[in-house]
C-alpha atoms as a PDB file:
ATOM      1  CA  MET A   1     189.703 -20.715  47.069  1.00  0.00           C
ATOM      2  CA  LYS A   2     186.677 -18.827  45.810  1.00  0.00           C
ATOM      3  CA  ARG A   3     188.391 -15.488  46.511  1.00  0.00           C
ATOM      4  CA  LEU A   4     191.476 -16.599  44.625  1.00  0.00           C
ATOM      5  CA  LEU A   5     189.372 -17.559  41.610  1.00  0.00           C
ATOM      6  CA  ILE A   6     187.586 -14.200  41.640  1.00  0.00           C
ATOM      7  CA  PHE A   7     190.920 -12.400  41.997  1.00  0.00           C
ATOM      8  CA  LEU A   8     192.369 -14.282  39.013  1.00  0.00           C
ATOM      9  CA  ILE A   9     189.328 -13.526  36.871  1.00  0.00           C
ATOM     10  CA  ILE A  10     189.614  -9.822  37.685  1.00  0.00           C
ATOM     11  CA  ILE A  11     193.340  -9.760  36.940  1.00  0.00           C
ATOM     12  CA  LEU A  12     192.882 -11.587  33.636  1.00  0.00           C
ATOM     13  CA  SER A  13     190.100  -9.253  32.525  1.00  0.00           C
ATOM     14  CA  LEU A  14     192.222  -6.206  33.322  1.00  0.00           C
ATOM     15  CA  THR A  15     195.357  -7.476  31.598  1.00  0.00           C
ATOM     16  CA  SER A  16     193.570  -8.381  28.383  1.00  0.00           C
ATOM     17  CA  ASN A  17     192.904  -4.679  27.816  1.00  0.00           C
ATOM     18  CA  VAL A  18     196.515  -3.724  28.515  1.00  0.00           C
ATOM     19  CA  PHE A  19     197.921  -5.390  25.403  1.00  0.00           C
ATOM     20  CA  ALA A  20     197.563  -3.116  22.405  1.00  0.00           C
ATOM     21  CA  LYS A  21     196.384  -4.373  19.059  1.00  0.00           C
ATOM     22  CA  GLU A  22     198.768  -4.628  16.181  1.00  0.00           C
ATOM     23  CA  TRP A  23     198.644  -1.635  13.820  1.00  0.00           C
ATOM     24  CA  TYR A  24     196.835  -3.680  11.152  1.00  0.00           C
ATOM     25  CA  GLU A  25     194.059  -5.008  13.437  1.00  0.00           C
ATOM     26  CA  GLY A  26     190.609  -3.597  13.976  1.00  0.00           C
ATOM     27  CA  GLY A  27     189.806  -2.115  10.586  1.00  0.00           C
ATOM     28  CA  SER A  28     186.037  -1.869  10.260  1.00  0.00           C
ATOM     29  CA  LEU A  29     185.543   0.772   7.580  1.00  0.00           C
ATOM     30  CA  HIS A  30     185.391  -1.448   4.492  1.00  0.00           C
ATOM     31  CA  ARG A  31     181.815  -0.378   3.692  1.00  0.00           C
ATOM     32  CA  ALA A  32     182.041   3.088   5.241  1.00  0.00           C
ATOM     33  CA  THR A  33     181.111   6.382   3.669  1.00  0.00           C
ATOM     34  CA  ALA A  34     183.533   9.284   3.516  1.00  0.00           C
ATOM     35  CA  GLY A  35     181.843  10.886   6.519  1.00  0.00           C
ATOM     36  CA  GLU A  36     182.250   7.722   8.584  1.00  0.00           C
ATOM     37  CA  TRP A  37     185.900   7.452   7.527  1.00  0.00           C
ATOM     38  CA  LEU A  38     186.656  11.003   8.585  1.00  0.00           C
ATOM     39  CA  SER A  39     185.049  10.532  11.991  1.00  0.00           C
ATOM     40  CA  ALA A  40     186.844   7.210  12.666  1.00  0.00           C
ATOM     41  CA  SER A  41     190.117   6.849  14.559  1.00  0.00           C
ATOM     42  CA  TYR A  42     193.422   6.881  12.726  1.00  0.00           C
ATOM     43  CA  GLN A  43     194.056   3.305  13.944  1.00  0.00           C
ATOM     44  CA  ASN A  44     190.803   2.127  12.346  1.00  0.00           C
ATOM     45  CA  ARG A  45     191.544   3.968   9.085  1.00  0.00           C
ATOM     46  CA  LEU A  46     195.099   2.577   8.932  1.00  0.00           C
ATOM     47  CA  ALA A  47     193.965  -0.993   9.628  1.00  0.00           C
ATOM     48  CA  THR A  48     191.245  -0.711   6.981  1.00  0.00           C
ATOM     49  CA  ALA A  49     193.745   0.651   4.456  1.00  0.00           C
ATOM     50  CA  ALA A  50     195.974  -2.347   5.229  1.00  0.00           C
ATOM     51  CA  ASP A  51     193.011  -4.657   4.611  1.00  0.00           C
ATOM     52  CA  PHE A  52     192.345  -3.010   1.244  1.00  0.00           C
ATOM     53  CA  LEU A  53     195.975  -3.537   0.261  1.00  0.00           C
ATOM     54  CA  ALA A  54     196.196  -7.092   1.570  1.00  0.00           C
ATOM     55  CA  GLY A  55     193.018  -8.015  -0.273  1.00  0.00           C
ATOM     56  CA  ASN A  56     194.633  -6.871  -3.496  1.00  0.00           C
ATOM     57  CA  LYS A  57     198.002  -8.434  -2.670  1.00  0.00           C
ATOM     58  CA  ALA A  58     199.567  -4.979  -3.041  1.00  0.00           C
ATOM     59  CA  ALA A  59     202.470  -5.678  -0.669  1.00  0.00           C
ATOM     60  CA  THR A  60     204.957  -8.490  -0.324  1.00  0.00           C
ATOM     61  CA  ASN A  61     205.774  -8.172   3.385  1.00  0.00           C
ATOM     62  CA  MET A  62     204.546  -6.448   6.546  1.00  0.00           C
ATOM     63  CA  ASP A  63     207.029  -3.573   6.344  1.00  0.00           C
ATOM     64  CA  GLU A  64     205.944  -2.742   2.826  1.00  0.00           C
ATOM     65  CA  LEU A  65     202.308  -3.174   3.822  1.00  0.00           C
ATOM     66  CA  LYS A  66     202.649  -0.627   6.622  1.00  0.00           C
ATOM     67  CA  VAL A  67     204.369   1.963   4.424  1.00  0.00           C
ATOM     68  CA  ARG A  68     201.741   1.518   1.732  1.00  0.00           C
ATOM     69  CA  ALA A  69     198.859   1.517   4.237  1.00  0.00           C
ATOM     70  CA  ILE A  70     200.061   4.853   5.629  1.00  0.00           C
ATOM     71  CA  SER A  71     200.152   6.277   2.101  1.00  0.00           C
ATOM     72  CA  LEU A  72     196.753   4.830   1.222  1.00  0.00           C
ATOM     73  CA  GLU A  73     195.136   6.137   4.422  1.00  0.00           C
ATOM     74  CA  ARG A  74     196.524   9.604   3.683  1.00  0.00           C
ATOM     75  CA  CYS A  75     195.349   9.480   0.058  1.00  0.00           C
ATOM     76  CA  ILE A  76     191.809   8.451   1.024  1.00  0.00           C
ATOM     77  CA  THR A  77     191.603  11.030   3.815  1.00  0.00           C
ATOM     78  CA  GLU A  78     192.845  13.848   1.608  1.00  0.00           C
ATOM     79  CA  ALA A  79     190.606  12.824  -1.294  1.00  0.00           C
ATOM     80  CA  ILE A  80     187.423  12.919   0.772  1.00  0.00           C
ATOM     81  CA  ASP A  81     188.194  16.057   2.759  1.00  0.00           C
ATOM     82  CA  ASP A  82     185.336  17.858   1.022  1.00  0.00           C
ATOM     83  CA  PRO A  83     181.854  18.160   2.573  1.00  0.00           C
ATOM     84  CA  ARG A  84     180.269  17.370  -0.800  1.00  0.00           C
ATOM     85  CA  LEU A  85     181.810  13.878  -0.722  1.00  0.00           C
ATOM     86  CA  GLN A  86     180.511  12.745   2.682  1.00  0.00           C
ATOM     87  CA  GLY A  87     178.290  10.050   1.121  1.00  0.00           C
ATOM     88  CA  GLN A  88     180.971   8.629  -1.177  1.00  0.00           C
ATOM     89  CA  LYS A  89     182.004   5.007  -0.527  1.00  0.00           C
ATOM     90  CA  VAL A  90     185.501   4.680   0.931  1.00  0.00           C
ATOM     91  CA  ALA A  91     186.173   1.410  -0.917  1.00  0.00           C
ATOM     92  CA  GLU A  92     185.730   3.208  -4.248  1.00  0.00           C
ATOM     93  CA  ILE A  93     188.044   6.035  -3.202  1.00  0.00           C
ATOM     94  CA  GLY A  94     190.528   3.457  -1.890  1.00  0.00           C
ATOM     95  CA  ALA A  95     190.562   1.633  -5.216  1.00  0.00           C
ATOM     96  CA  ALA A  96     191.180   4.896  -7.068  1.00  0.00           C
ATOM     97  CA  CYS A  97     193.974   5.783  -4.637  1.00  0.00           C
ATOM     98  CA  MET A  98     195.630   2.390  -5.110  1.00  0.00           C
ATOM     99  CA  ILE A  99     195.689   2.986  -8.852  1.00  0.00           C
ATOM    100  CA  LEU A 100     196.942   6.546  -8.386  1.00  0.00           C
ATOM    101  CA  LEU A 101     199.677   5.347  -6.012  1.00  0.00           C
ATOM    102  CA  LYS A 102     200.475   2.444  -8.394  1.00  0.00           C
ATOM    103  CA  PHE A 103     199.760  -0.169  -5.710  1.00  0.00           C
ATOM    104  CA  LYS A 104     197.513  -2.177  -8.001  1.00  0.00           C
END
């Protein structure tokens, strides 16, 4: 019985890592600088862009949110691809990009 319990615990811990997150989960760059944004994973940048958009109610459904998040991530990344901007706050760049992209 004890072996079965240990086996089940091991199996459950392994399978929890198998399931991938949704594309909009795991964004943690809301207070990041440009340098932190550029060194983060694409998944993290995309999820954070989705959070920025959702917070501003800039999409009416998940399909639209994903399309707009991809555009916003690209806009932010391209805007801060300059070593002189490494200390700039991503949230400020994101807000400017949302206006530029007419998402706000």
